């Protein structure tokens, strides 16, 4: 986990994101989180979500903990989830289905997706 804009202001403790010393109330355990453009972008543990439907496991939150957006996946496959951050500038993530996706950090929408397998 890295806090790209303000080191020390964002960390993960036992699957919980702590921002400025306060834990965020999130619905699932977190494997990674990044501070991007004033937003906290979280990657939920892919194994913590539903098993029989797609798990939207990347979300962005404002500093007060308000959810701003939920990222969609590049496929409709049930097993597709995001598995890791590739970069923060631009915001790029890798999906289990083999896509590298660039997301708009303001909206969470896919700007560009490339199949890599």
PDB file of N, CA and C in Angstrom:
ATOM      1  N   UNK A   1       0.841  -1.175   0.000  1.00  0.00           N
ATOM      2  CA  UNK A   1       0.000   0.000   0.000  1.00  0.00           C
ATOM      3  C   UNK A   1       0.877   1.227   0.000  1.00  0.00           C
ATOM      4  N   UNK A   2       0.480   2.226  -0.787  1.00  0.00           N
ATOM      5  CA  UNK A   2       1.244   3.467  -0.824  1.00  0.00           C
ATOM      6  C   UNK A   2       0.286   4.637  -0.839  1.00  0.00           C
ATOM      7  N   UNK A   3       0.646   5.667  -0.167  1.00  0.00           N
ATOM      8  CA  UNK A   3      -0.102   6.919  -0.205  1.00  0.00           C
ATOM      9  C   UNK A   3       0.701   7.862  -1.083  1.00  0.00           C
ATOM     10  N   UNK A   4       0.299   7.980  -2.335  1.00  0.00           N
ATOM     11  CA  UNK A   4       1.105   8.687  -3.321  1.00  0.00           C
ATOM     12  C   UNK A   4       1.220  10.182  -3.053  1.00  0.00           C
ATOM     13  N   UNK A   5       0.179  10.811  -2.526  1.00  0.00           N
ATOM     14  CA  UNK A   5       0.198  12.253  -2.390  1.00  0.00           C
ATOM     15  C   UNK A   5       0.630  12.723  -1.010  1.00  0.00           C
ATOM     16  N   UNK A   6       0.457  11.912   0.010  1.00  0.00           N
ATOM     17  CA  UNK A   6       0.753  12.340   1.367  1.00  0.00           C
ATOM     18  C   UNK A   6       1.173  11.140   2.197  1.00  0.00           C
ATOM     19  N   UNK A   7       2.429  10.731   2.096  1.00  0.00           N
ATOM     20  CA  UNK A   7       2.882   9.560   2.830  1.00  0.00           C
ATOM     21  C   UNK A   7       2.592   9.690   4.316  1.00  0.00           C
ATOM     22  N   UNK A   8       2.114   8.598   4.914  1.00  0.00           N
ATOM     23  CA  UNK A   8       1.806   8.589   6.335  1.00  0.00           C
ATOM     24  C   UNK A   8       0.375   8.942   6.645  1.00  0.00           C
ATOM     25  N   UNK A   9      -0.349   9.556   5.690  1.00  0.00           N
ATOM     26  CA  UNK A   9      -1.729   9.950   5.936  1.00  0.00           C
ATOM     27  C   UNK A   9      -2.692   8.800   5.681  1.00  0.00           C
ATOM     28  N   UNK A  10      -2.245   7.764   5.011  1.00  0.00           N
ATOM     29  CA  UNK A  10      -3.111   6.650   4.627  1.00  0.00           C
ATOM     30  C   UNK A  10      -2.354   5.352   4.850  1.00  0.00           C
ATOM     31  N   UNK A  11      -2.981   4.426   5.587  1.00  0.00           N
ATOM     32  CA  UNK A  11      -2.356   3.119   5.790  1.00  0.00           C
ATOM     33  C   UNK A  11      -3.444   2.060   5.965  1.00  0.00           C
ATOM     34  N   UNK A  12      -3.034   0.807   5.850  1.00  0.00           N
ATOM     35  CA  UNK A  12      -3.948  -0.317   6.032  1.00  0.00           C
ATOM     36  C   UNK A  12      -3.492  -1.086   7.255  1.00  0.00           C
ATOM     37  N   UNK A  13      -4.434  -1.327   8.159  1.00  0.00           N
ATOM     38  CA  UNK A  13      -4.160  -2.100   9.367  1.00  0.00           C
ATOM     39  C   UNK A  13      -5.197  -3.208   9.459  1.00  0.00           C
ATOM     40  N   UNK A  14      -4.777  -4.449   9.242  1.00  0.00           N
ATOM     41  CA  UNK A  14      -5.695  -5.578   9.344  1.00  0.00           C
ATOM     42  C   UNK A  14      -6.875  -5.504   8.406  1.00  0.00           C
ATOM     43  N   UNK A  15      -6.650  -5.011   7.196  1.00  0.00           N
ATOM     44  CA  UNK A  15      -7.725  -4.926   6.209  1.00  0.00           C
ATOM     45  C   UNK A  15      -8.592  -3.686   6.343  1.00  0.00           C
ATOM     46  N   UNK A  16      -8.224  -2.768   7.269  1.00  0.00           N
ATOM     47  CA  UNK A  16      -8.969  -1.538   7.487  1.00  0.00           C
ATOM     48  C   UNK A  16      -8.114  -0.359   7.038  1.00  0.00           C
ATOM     49  N   UNK A  17      -8.709   0.567   6.296  1.00  0.00           N
ATOM     50  CA  UNK A  17      -8.001   1.769   5.864  1.00  0.00           C
ATOM     51  C   UNK A  17      -8.082   2.803   6.974  1.00  0.00           C
ATOM     52  N   UNK A  18      -6.917   3.348   7.329  1.00  0.00           N
ATOM     53  CA  UNK A  18      -6.837   4.409   8.325  1.00  0.00           C
ATOM     54  C   UNK A  18      -6.350   5.656   7.602  1.00  0.00           C
ATOM     55  N   UNK A  19      -7.160   6.700   7.642  1.00  0.00           N
ATOM     56  CA  UNK A  19      -6.842   7.958   6.982  1.00  0.00           C
ATOM     57  C   UNK A  19      -6.770   9.062   8.031  1.00  0.00           C
ATOM     58  N   UNK A  20      -5.637   9.730   8.093  1.00  0.00           N
ATOM     59  CA  UNK A  20      -5.410  10.788   9.088  1.00  0.00           C
ATOM     60  C   UNK A  20      -5.743  10.306  10.498  1.00  0.00           C
ATOM     61  N   UNK A  21      -5.362   9.059  10.791  1.00  0.00           N
ATOM     62  CA  UNK A  21      -5.544   8.511  12.125  1.00  0.00           C
ATOM     63  C   UNK A  21      -6.919   7.956  12.424  1.00  0.00           C
ATOM     64  N   UNK A  22      -7.857   8.037  11.469  1.00  0.00           N
ATOM     65  CA  UNK A  22      -9.218   7.535  11.689  1.00  0.00           C
ATOM     66  C   UNK A  22      -9.528   6.396  10.729  1.00  0.00           C
ATOM     67  N   UNK A  23     -10.091   5.283  11.233  1.00  0.00           N
ATOM     68  CA  UNK A  23     -10.463   4.182  10.356  1.00  0.00           C
ATOM     69  C   UNK A  23     -11.704   4.530   9.534  1.00  0.00           C
ATOM     70  N   UNK A  24     -11.709   4.112   8.275  1.00  0.00           N
ATOM     71  CA  UNK A  24     -12.884   4.292   7.428  1.00  0.00           C
ATOM     72  C   UNK A  24     -13.817   3.105   7.631  1.00  0.00           C
ATOM     73  N   UNK A  25     -15.088   3.370   7.640  1.00  0.00           N
ATOM     74  CA  UNK A  25     -16.093   2.318   7.780  1.00  0.00           C
ATOM     75  C   UNK A  25     -16.382   1.779   6.376  1.00  0.00           C
ATOM     76  N   UNK A  26     -15.762   0.643   6.038  1.00  0.00           N
ATOM     77  CA  UNK A  26     -15.885   0.062   4.708  1.00  0.00           C
ATOM     78  C   UNK A  26     -16.553  -1.304   4.796  1.00  0.00           C
ATOM     79  N   UNK A  27     -17.242  -1.724   3.733  1.00  0.00           N
ATOM     80  CA  UNK A  27     -18.005  -2.978   3.790  1.00  0.00           C
ATOM     81  C   UNK A  27     -17.189  -4.262   3.676  1.00  0.00           C
ATOM     82  N   UNK A  28     -15.932  -4.184   3.207  1.00  0.00           N
ATOM     83  CA  UNK A  28     -15.116  -5.373   2.998  1.00  0.00           C
ATOM     84  C   UNK A  28     -13.678  -5.102   3.423  1.00  0.00           C
ATOM     85  N   UNK A  29     -12.904  -6.161   3.719  1.00  0.00           N
ATOM     86  CA  UNK A  29     -11.479  -5.980   4.008  1.00  0.00           C
ATOM     87  C   UNK A  29     -10.743  -5.441   2.777  1.00  0.00           C
ATOM     88  N   UNK A  30      -9.748  -4.617   3.019  1.00  0.00           N
ATOM     89  CA  UNK A  30      -9.008  -3.943   1.962  1.00  0.00           C
ATOM     90  C   UNK A  30      -7.621  -4.567   1.814  1.00  0.00           C
ATOM     91  N   UNK A  31      -7.199  -4.810   0.552  1.00  0.00           N
ATOM     92  CA  UNK A  31      -5.847  -5.306   0.316  1.00  0.00           C
ATOM     93  C   UNK A  31      -4.894  -4.183  -0.073  1.00  0.00           C
ATOM     94  N   UNK A  32      -5.420  -3.079  -0.620  1.00  0.00           N
ATOM     95  CA  UNK A  32      -4.587  -1.954  -1.003  1.00  0.00           C
ATOM     96  C   UNK A  32      -5.458  -0.712  -1.071  1.00  0.00           C
ATOM     97  N   UNK A  33      -4.833   0.444  -0.899  1.00  0.00           N
ATOM     98  CA  UNK A  33      -5.531   1.721  -1.000  1.00  0.00           C
ATOM     99  C   UNK A  33      -4.534   2.778  -1.431  1.00  0.00           C
ATOM    100  N   UNK A  34      -5.014   3.738  -2.190  1.00  0.00           N
ATOM    101  CA  UNK A  34      -4.155   4.822  -2.676  1.00  0.00           C
ATOM    102  C   UNK A  34      -4.893   6.143  -2.514  1.00  0.00           C
ATOM    103  N   UNK A  35      -4.139   7.182  -2.215  1.00  0.00           N
ATOM    104  CA  UNK A  35      -4.671   8.529  -2.148  1.00  0.00           C
ATOM    105  C   UNK A  35      -4.394   9.179  -3.496  1.00  0.00           C
ATOM    106  N   UNK A  36      -5.466   9.469  -4.244  1.00  0.00           N
ATOM    107  CA  UNK A  36      -5.333   9.987  -5.605  1.00  0.00           C
ATOM    108  C   UNK A  36      -6.268  11.185  -5.775  1.00  0.00           C
ATOM    109  N   UNK A  37      -5.691  12.343  -6.009  1.00  0.00           N
ATOM    110  CA  UNK A  37      -6.506  13.536  -6.239  1.00  0.00           C
ATOM    111  C   UNK A  37      -7.464  13.836  -5.107  1.00  0.00           C
ATOM    112  N   UNK A  38      -7.049  13.610  -3.875  1.00  0.00           N
ATOM    113  CA  UNK A  38      -7.906  13.868  -2.728  1.00  0.00           C
ATOM    114  C   UNK A  38      -8.920  12.780  -2.441  1.00  0.00           C
ATOM    115  N   UNK A  39      -8.902  11.721  -3.265  1.00  0.00           N
ATOM    116  CA  UNK A  39      -9.812  10.594  -3.072  1.00  0.00           C
ATOM    117  C   UNK A  39      -9.044   9.395  -2.541  1.00  0.00           C
ATOM    118  N   UNK A  40      -9.691   8.628  -1.692  1.00  0.00           N
ATOM    119  CA  UNK A  40      -9.114   7.385  -1.221  1.00  0.00           C
ATOM    120  C   UNK A  40      -9.687   6.273  -2.096  1.00  0.00           C
ATOM    121  N   UNK A  41      -8.844   5.675  -2.922  1.00  0.00           N
ATOM    122  CA  UNK A  41      -9.280   4.606  -3.823  1.00  0.00           C
ATOM    123  C   UNK A  41      -8.886   3.281  -3.169  1.00  0.00           C
ATOM    124  N   UNK A  42      -9.883   2.439  -2.886  1.00  0.00           N
ATOM    125  CA  UNK A  42      -9.640   1.188  -2.180  1.00  0.00           C
ATOM    126  C   UNK A  42      -9.833  -0.008  -3.100  1.00  0.00           C
ATOM    127  N   UNK A  43      -9.009  -1.014  -2.872  1.00  0.00           N
ATOM    128  CA  UNK A  43      -9.101  -2.300  -3.563  1.00  0.00           C
ATOM    129  C   UNK A  43      -9.477  -3.313  -2.493  1.00  0.00           C
ATOM    130  N   UNK A  44     -10.729  -3.781  -2.539  1.00  0.00           N
ATOM    131  CA  UNK A  44     -11.180  -4.776  -1.571  1.00  0.00           C
ATOM    132  C   UNK A  44     -10.582  -6.131  -1.889  1.00  0.00           C
ATOM    133  N   UNK A  45     -10.369  -6.917  -0.861  1.00  0.00           N
ATOM    134  CA  UNK A  45      -9.883  -8.281  -1.002  1.00  0.00           C
ATOM    135  C   UNK A  45     -10.836  -9.045  -1.932  1.00  0.00           C
ATOM    136  N   UNK A  46     -10.354  -9.506  -3.084  1.00  0.00           N
ATOM    137  CA  UNK A  46     -11.226 -10.189  -4.041  1.00  0.00           C
ATOM    138  C   UNK A  46     -11.943 -11.414  -3.466  1.00  0.00           C
ATOM    139  N   UNK A  47     -11.368 -12.031  -2.445  1.00  0.00           N
ATOM    140  CA  UNK A  47     -11.965 -13.237  -1.866  1.00  0.00           C
ATOM    141  C   UNK A  47     -13.057 -12.903  -0.845  1.00  0.00           C
ATOM    142  N   UNK A  48     -13.257 -11.648  -0.517  1.00  0.00           N
ATOM    143  CA  UNK A  48     -14.223 -11.278   0.512  1.00  0.00           C
ATOM    144  C   UNK A  48     -15.609 -10.973  -0.032  1.00  0.00           C
ATOM    145  N   UNK A  49     -15.753 -10.944  -1.341  1.00  0.00           N
ATOM    146  CA  UNK A  49     -17.035 -10.580  -1.944  1.00  0.00           C
ATOM    147  C   UNK A  49     -17.904 -11.771  -2.264  1.00  0.00           C
ATOM    148  N   UNK A  50     -19.006 -11.516  -2.950  1.00  0.00           N
ATOM    149  CA  UNK A  50     -19.940 -12.583  -3.325  1.00  0.00           C
ATOM    150  C   UNK A  50     -19.295 -13.579  -4.277  1.00  0.00           C
ATOM    151  N   UNK A  51     -19.740 -14.816  -4.204  1.00  0.00           N
ATOM    152  CA  UNK A  51     -19.149 -15.867  -5.045  1.00  0.00           C
ATOM    153  C   UNK A  51     -19.886 -16.087  -6.356  1.00  0.00           C
ATOM    154  N   UNK A  52     -21.172 -15.769  -6.425  1.00  0.00           N
ATOM    155  CA  UNK A  52     -21.973 -16.128  -7.587  1.00  0.00           C
ATOM    156  C   UNK A  52     -22.436 -14.931  -8.399  1.00  0.00           C
ATOM    157  N   UNK A  53     -21.781 -13.816  -8.193  1.00  0.00           N
ATOM    158  CA  UNK A  53     -22.030 -12.629  -9.020  1.00  0.00           C
ATOM    159  C   UNK A  53     -20.768 -11.774  -9.010  1.00  0.00           C
ATOM    160  N   UNK A  54     -20.685 -10.870  -9.934  1.00  0.00           N
ATOM    161  CA  UNK A  54     -19.488 -10.048 -10.035  1.00  0.00           C
ATOM    162  C   UNK A  54     -19.352  -9.147  -8.805  1.00  0.00           C
ATOM    163  N   UNK A  55     -18.134  -9.002  -8.325  1.00  0.00           N
ATOM    164  CA  UNK A  55     -17.837  -8.224  -7.131  1.00  0.00           C
ATOM    165  C   UNK A  55     -17.196  -6.899  -7.531  1.00  0.00           C
ATOM    166  N   UNK A  56     -17.895  -5.775  -7.379  1.00  0.00           N
ATOM    167  CA  UNK A  56     -17.299  -4.470  -7.680  1.00  0.00           C
ATOM    168  C   UNK A  56     -16.346  -4.071  -6.557  1.00  0.00           C
ATOM    169  N   UNK A  57     -15.079  -4.462  -6.678  1.00  0.00           N
ATOM    170  CA  UNK A  57     -14.156  -4.362  -5.550  1.00  0.00           C
ATOM    171  C   UNK A  57     -13.188  -3.176  -5.570  1.00  0.00           C
ATOM    172  N   UNK A  58     -13.500  -2.150  -6.361  1.00  0.00           N
ATOM    173  CA  UNK A  58     -12.721  -0.911  -6.310  1.00  0.00           C
ATOM    174  C   UNK A  58     -13.706   0.246  -6.147  1.00  0.00           C
ATOM    175  N   UNK A  59     -13.478   1.024  -5.091  1.00  0.00           N
ATOM    176  CA  UNK A  59     -14.335   2.173  -4.808  1.00  0.00           C
ATOM    177  C   UNK A  59     -13.467   3.352  -4.405  1.00  0.00           C
ATOM    178  N   UNK A  60     -14.037   4.559  -4.547  1.00  0.00           N
ATOM    179  CA  UNK A  60     -13.349   5.777  -4.105  1.00  0.00           C
ATOM    180  C   UNK A  60     -14.199   6.461  -3.054  1.00  0.00           C
ATOM    181  N   UNK A  61     -13.501   7.017  -2.070  1.00  0.00           N
ATOM    182  CA  UNK A  61     -14.147   7.719  -0.961  1.00  0.00           C
ATOM    183  C   UNK A  61     -13.541   9.092  -0.807  1.00  0.00           C
ATOM    184  N   UNK A  62     -14.355  10.036  -0.371  1.00  0.00           N
ATOM    185  CA  UNK A  62     -13.881  11.366  -0.046  1.00  0.00           C
ATOM    186  C   UNK A  62     -13.231  11.357   1.327  1.00  0.00           C
ATOM    187  N   UNK A  63     -12.589  12.447   1.709  1.00  0.00           N
ATOM    188  CA  UNK A  63     -11.891  12.507   2.992  1.00  0.00           C
ATOM    189  C   UNK A  63     -12.792  12.215   4.189  1.00  0.00           C
ATOM    190  N   UNK A  64     -14.065  12.527   4.116  1.00  0.00           N
ATOM    191  CA  UNK A  64     -14.992  12.278   5.213  1.00  0.00           C
ATOM    192  C   UNK A  64     -15.567  10.878   5.231  1.00  0.00           C
ATOM    193  N   UNK A  65     -15.155  10.045   4.269  1.00  0.00           N
ATOM    194  CA  UNK A  65     -15.643   8.675   4.220  1.00  0.00           C
ATOM    195  C   UNK A  65     -16.865   8.471   3.348  1.00  0.00           C
ATOM    196  N   UNK A  66     -17.288   9.493   2.604  1.00  0.00           N
ATOM    197  CA  UNK A  66     -18.437   9.354   1.703  1.00  0.00           C
ATOM    198  C   UNK A  66     -18.003   8.664   0.414  1.00  0.00           C
ATOM    199  N   UNK A  67     -18.746   7.602   0.025  1.00  0.00           N
ATOM    200  CA  UNK A  67     -18.418   6.901  -1.221  1.00  0.00           C
ATOM    201  C   UNK A  67     -18.728   7.801  -2.405  1.00  0.00           C
ATOM    202  N   UNK A  68     -17.727   7.933  -3.296  1.00  0.00           N
ATOM    203  CA  UNK A  68     -17.854   8.795  -4.464  1.00  0.00           C
ATOM    204  C   UNK A  68     -18.186   8.028  -5.729  1.00  0.00           C
ATOM    205  N   UNK A  69     -17.576   6.849  -5.884  1.00  0.00           N
ATOM    206  CA  UNK A  69     -17.856   6.030  -7.064  1.00  0.00           C
ATOM    207  C   UNK A  69     -17.454   4.582  -6.832  1.00  0.00           C
ATOM    208  N   UNK A  70     -17.993   3.720  -7.709  1.00  0.00           N
ATOM    209  CA  UNK A  70     -17.669   2.291  -7.733  1.00  0.00           C
ATOM    210  C   UNK A  70     -17.212   1.984  -9.155  1.00  0.00           C
ATOM    211  N   UNK A  71     -16.044   1.369  -9.291  1.00  0.00           N
ATOM    212  CA  UNK A  71     -15.508   1.059 -10.624  1.00  0.00           C
ATOM    213  C   UNK A  71     -16.212  -0.158 -11.214  1.00  0.00           C
ATOM    214  N   UNK A  72     -16.500  -0.067 -12.488  1.00  0.00           N
ATOM    215  CA  UNK A  72     -17.039  -1.217 -13.223  1.00  0.00           C
ATOM    216  C   UNK A  72     -15.890  -2.061 -13.731  1.00  0.00           C
ATOM    217  N   UNK A  73     -16.228  -3.280 -14.116  1.00  0.00           N
ATOM    218  CA  UNK A  73     -15.227  -4.192 -14.657  1.00  0.00           C
ATOM    219  C   UNK A  73     -15.268  -4.160 -16.185  1.00  0.00           C
ATOM    220  N   UNK A  74     -14.178  -4.576 -16.832  1.00  0.00           N
ATOM    221  CA  UNK A  74     -14.144  -4.567 -18.290  1.00  0.00           C
ATOM    222  C   UNK A  74     -14.942  -5.721 -18.909  1.00  0.00           C
ATOM    223  N   UNK A  75     -15.367  -6.683 -18.110  1.00  0.00           N
ATOM    224  CA  UNK A  75     -16.142  -7.818 -18.607  1.00  0.00           C
ATOM    225  C   UNK A  75     -17.400  -7.984 -17.764  1.00  0.00           C
ATOM    226  N   UNK A  76     -18.256  -8.885 -18.182  1.00  0.00           N
ATOM    227  CA  UNK A  76     -19.437  -9.228 -17.383  1.00  0.00           C
ATOM    228  C   UNK A  76     -19.255 -10.591 -16.715  1.00  0.00           C
ATOM    229  N   UNK A  77     -18.033 -11.135 -16.772  1.00  0.00           N
ATOM    230  CA  UNK A  77     -17.756 -12.440 -16.175  1.00  0.00           C
ATOM    231  C   UNK A  77     -17.936 -12.393 -14.660  1.00  0.00           C
ATOM    232  N   UNK A  78     -18.581 -13.402 -14.127  1.00  0.00           N
ATOM    233  CA  UNK A  78     -18.830 -13.474 -12.687  1.00  0.00           C
ATOM    234  C   UNK A  78     -17.535 -13.441 -11.889  1.00  0.00           C
ATOM    235  N   UNK A  79     -16.506 -14.102 -12.356  1.00  0.00           N
ATOM    236  CA  UNK A  79     -15.250 -14.218 -11.611  1.00  0.00           C
ATOM    237  C   UNK A  79     -14.333 -13.008 -11.752  1.00  0.00           C
ATOM    238  N   UNK A  80     -14.710 -12.023 -12.571  1.00  0.00           N
ATOM    239  CA  UNK A  80     -13.805 -10.898 -12.792  1.00  0.00           C
ATOM    240  C   UNK A  80     -13.799  -9.965 -11.587  1.00  0.00           C
ATOM    241  N   UNK A  81     -12.599  -9.635 -11.122  1.00  0.00           N
ATOM    242  CA  UNK A  81     -12.363  -8.667 -10.053  1.00  0.00           C
ATOM    243  C   UNK A  81     -11.056  -7.951 -10.377  1.00  0.00           C
ATOM    244  N   UNK A  82     -10.863  -6.792  -9.770  1.00  0.00           N
ATOM    245  CA  UNK A  82      -9.559  -6.145  -9.881  1.00  0.00           C
ATOM    246  C   UNK A  82      -8.639  -6.786  -8.853  1.00  0.00           C
ATOM    247  N   UNK A  83      -7.371  -7.000  -9.238  1.00  0.00           N
ATOM    248  CA  UNK A  83      -6.453  -7.709  -8.346  1.00  0.00           C
ATOM    249  C   UNK A  83      -5.277  -6.857  -7.868  1.00  0.00           C
ATOM    250  N   UNK A  84      -4.935  -5.792  -8.609  1.00  0.00           N
ATOM    251  CA  UNK A  84      -3.837  -4.949  -8.140  1.00  0.00           C
ATOM    252  C   UNK A  84      -3.802  -3.624  -8.868  1.00  0.00           C
ATOM    253  N   UNK A  85      -3.244  -2.636  -8.169  1.00  0.00           N
ATOM    254  CA  UNK A  85      -2.947  -1.354  -8.795  1.00  0.00           C
ATOM    255  C   UNK A  85      -1.694  -1.539  -9.639  1.00  0.00           C
ATOM    256  N   UNK A  86      -1.695  -0.968 -10.837  1.00  0.00           N
ATOM    257  CA  UNK A  86      -0.504  -0.941 -11.680  1.00  0.00           C
ATOM    258  C   UNK A  86       0.176   0.423 -11.600  1.00  0.00           C
ATOM    259  N   UNK A  87      -0.626   1.481 -11.498  1.00  0.00           N
ATOM    260  CA  UNK A  87      -0.089   2.830 -11.335  1.00  0.00           C
ATOM    261  C   UNK A  87      -1.200   3.734 -10.816  1.00  0.00           C
ATOM    262  N   UNK A  88      -0.800   4.911 -10.352  1.00  0.00           N
ATOM    263  CA  UNK A  88      -1.788   5.880  -9.900  1.00  0.00           C
ATOM    264  C   UNK A  88      -1.892   7.083 -10.825  1.00  0.00           C
ATOM    265  N   UNK A  89      -0.836   7.330 -11.620  1.00  0.00           N
ATOM    266  CA  UNK A  89      -0.860   8.428 -12.585  1.00  0.00           C
ATOM    267  C   UNK A  89      -0.384   7.920 -13.929  1.00  0.00           C
ATOM    268  N   UNK A  90      -1.255   7.465 -14.785  1.00  0.00           N
ATOM    269  CA  UNK A  90      -2.711   7.409 -14.634  1.00  0.00           C
ATOM    270  C   UNK A  90      -3.128   6.265 -13.699  1.00  0.00           C
ATOM    271  N   UNK A  91      -4.396   6.301 -13.268  1.00  0.00           N
ATOM    272  CA  UNK A  91      -4.930   5.248 -12.417  1.00  0.00           C
ATOM    273  C   UNK A  91      -5.160   4.007 -13.271  1.00  0.00           C
ATOM    274  N   UNK A  92      -4.328   2.983 -13.041  1.00  0.00           N
ATOM    275  CA  UNK A  92      -4.422   1.740 -13.817  1.00  0.00           C
ATOM    276  C   UNK A  92      -4.466   0.562 -12.858  1.00  0.00           C
ATOM    277  N   UNK A  93      -5.354  -0.404 -13.178  1.00  0.00           N
ATOM    278  CA  UNK A  93      -5.489  -1.618 -12.382  1.00  0.00           C
ATOM    279  C   UNK A  93      -5.495  -2.827 -13.299  1.00  0.00           C
ATOM    280  N   UNK A  94      -5.140  -3.962 -12.732  1.00  0.00           N
ATOM    281  CA  UNK A  94      -5.152  -5.221 -13.462  1.00  0.00           C
ATOM    282  C   UNK A  94      -6.342  -6.032 -12.987  1.00  0.00           C
ATOM    283  N   UNK A  95      -7.069  -6.657 -13.937  1.00  0.00           N
ATOM    284  CA  UNK A  95      -8.226  -7.476 -13.578  1.00  0.00           C
ATOM    285  C   UNK A  95      -7.885  -8.960 -13.700  1.00  0.00           C
ATOM    286  N   UNK A  96      -8.613  -9.769 -12.951  1.00  0.00           N
ATOM    287  CA  UNK A  96      -8.424 -11.214 -12.964  1.00  0.00           C
ATOM    288  C   UNK A  96      -8.650 -11.787 -14.367  1.00  0.00           C
ATOM    289  N   UNK A  97      -9.517 -11.160 -15.145  1.00  0.00           N
ATOM    290  CA  UNK A  97      -9.814 -11.629 -16.499  1.00  0.00           C
ATOM    291  C   UNK A  97      -8.711 -11.284 -17.495  1.00  0.00           C
ATOM    292  N   UNK A  98      -7.653 -10.602 -17.046  1.00  0.00           N
ATOM    293  CA  UNK A  98      -6.521 -10.340 -17.927  1.00  0.00           C
ATOM    294  C   UNK A  98      -6.521  -8.981 -18.592  1.00  0.00           C
ATOM    295  N   UNK A  99      -7.239  -8.029 -18.053  1.00  0.00           N
ATOM    296  CA  UNK A  99      -7.265  -6.690 -18.629  1.00  0.00           C
ATOM    297  C   UNK A  99      -6.469  -5.718 -17.770  1.00  0.00           C
ATOM    298  N   UNK A 100      -5.768  -4.808 -18.446  1.00  0.00           N
ATOM    299  CA  UNK A 100      -5.201  -3.644 -17.787  1.00  0.00           C
ATOM    300  C   UNK A 100      -6.162  -2.507 -18.083  1.00  0.00           C
ATOM    301  N   UNK A 101      -6.697  -1.903 -17.029  1.00  0.00           N
ATOM    302  CA  UNK A 101      -7.716  -0.870 -17.194  1.00  0.00           C
ATOM    303  C   UNK A 101      -7.234   0.465 -16.645  1.00  0.00           C
ATOM    304  N   UNK A 102      -7.405   1.500 -17.439  1.00  0.00           N
ATOM    305  CA  UNK A 102      -7.166   2.852 -16.962  1.00  0.00           C
ATOM    306  C   UNK A 102      -8.518   3.418 -16.564  1.00  0.00           C
ATOM    307  N   UNK A 103      -8.596   3.909 -15.323  1.00  0.00           N
ATOM    308  CA  UNK A 103      -9.839   4.475 -14.807  1.00  0.00           C
ATOM    309  C   UNK A 103      -9.708   5.978 -14.644  1.00  0.00           C
ATOM    310  N   UNK A 104     -10.802   6.677 -14.848  1.00  0.00           N
ATOM    311  CA  UNK A 104     -10.857   8.108 -14.563  1.00  0.00           C
ATOM    312  C   UNK A 104     -10.958   8.258 -13.050  1.00  0.00           C
ATOM    313  N   UNK A 105      -9.969   8.869 -12.379  1.00  0.00           N
ATOM    314  CA  UNK A 105     -10.007   8.948 -10.918  1.00  0.00           C
ATOM    315  C   UNK A 105     -11.144   9.810 -10.371  1.00  0.00           C
ATOM    316  N   UNK A 106     -11.743  10.653 -11.217  1.00  0.00           N
ATOM    317  CA  UNK A 106     -12.854  11.492 -10.777  1.00  0.00           C
ATOM    318  C   UNK A 106     -14.182  10.746 -10.788  1.00  0.00           C
ATOM    319  N   UNK A 107     -14.307   9.741 -11.682  1.00  0.00           N
ATOM    320  CA  UNK A 107     -15.603   9.060 -11.842  1.00  0.00           C
ATOM    321  C   UNK A 107     -15.538   7.547 -11.675  1.00  0.00           C
ATOM    322  N   UNK A 108     -14.351   6.956 -11.808  1.00  0.00           N
ATOM    323  CA  UNK A 108     -14.210   5.505 -11.747  1.00  0.00           C
ATOM    324  C   UNK A 108     -14.539   4.804 -13.051  1.00  0.00           C
ATOM    325  N   UNK A 109     -14.872   5.543 -14.077  1.00  0.00           N
ATOM    326  CA  UNK A 109     -15.205   4.940 -15.376  1.00  0.00           C
ATOM    327  C   UNK A 109     -13.944   4.473 -16.097  1.00  0.00           C
ATOM    328  N   UNK A 110     -14.098   3.405 -16.843  1.00  0.00           N
ATOM    329  CA  UNK A 110     -12.975   2.878 -17.628  1.00  0.00           C
ATOM    330  C   UNK A 110     -12.718   3.817 -18.805  1.00  0.00           C
ATOM    331  N   UNK A 111     -11.496   4.334 -18.869  1.00  0.00           N
ATOM    332  CA  UNK A 111     -11.071   5.208 -19.958  1.00  0.00           C
ATOM    333  C   UNK A 111     -10.528   4.367 -21.099  1.00  0.00           C
ATOM    334  N   UNK A 112      -9.783   3.302 -20.718  1.00  0.00           N
ATOM    335  CA  UNK A 112      -9.129   2.452 -21.718  1.00  0.00           C
ATOM    336  C   UNK A 112      -8.881   1.096 -21.089  1.00  0.00           C
ATOM    337  N   UNK A 113      -9.120   0.036 -21.837  1.00  0.00           N
ATOM    338  CA  UNK A 113      -8.839  -1.331 -21.353  1.00  0.00           C
ATOM    339  C   UNK A 113      -8.130  -2.106 -22.443  1.00  0.00           C
ATOM    340  N   UNK A 114      -7.104  -2.860 -22.026  1.00  0.00           N
ATOM    341  CA  UNK A 114      -6.319  -3.668 -22.959  1.00  0.00           C
ATOM    342  C   UNK A 114      -6.254  -5.078 -22.409  1.00  0.00           C
ATOM    343  N   UNK A 115      -6.587  -6.064 -23.257  1.00  0.00           N
ATOM    344  CA  UNK A 115      -6.473  -7.458 -22.857  1.00  0.00           C
ATOM    345  C   UNK A 115      -5.008  -7.854 -22.936  1.00  0.00           C
ATOM    346  N   UNK A 116      -4.472  -8.455 -21.860  1.00  0.00           N
ATOM    347  CA  UNK A 116      -3.029  -8.749 -21.799  1.00  0.00           C
ATOM    348  C   UNK A 116      -2.672 -10.212 -21.767  1.00  0.00           C
ATOM    349  N   UNK A 117      -3.638 -11.103 -21.701  1.00  0.00           N
ATOM    350  CA  UNK A 117      -3.309 -12.526 -21.631  1.00  0.00           C
ATOM    351  C   UNK A 117      -3.085 -13.108 -22.993  1.00  0.00           C
TER     352      UNK A 117
END
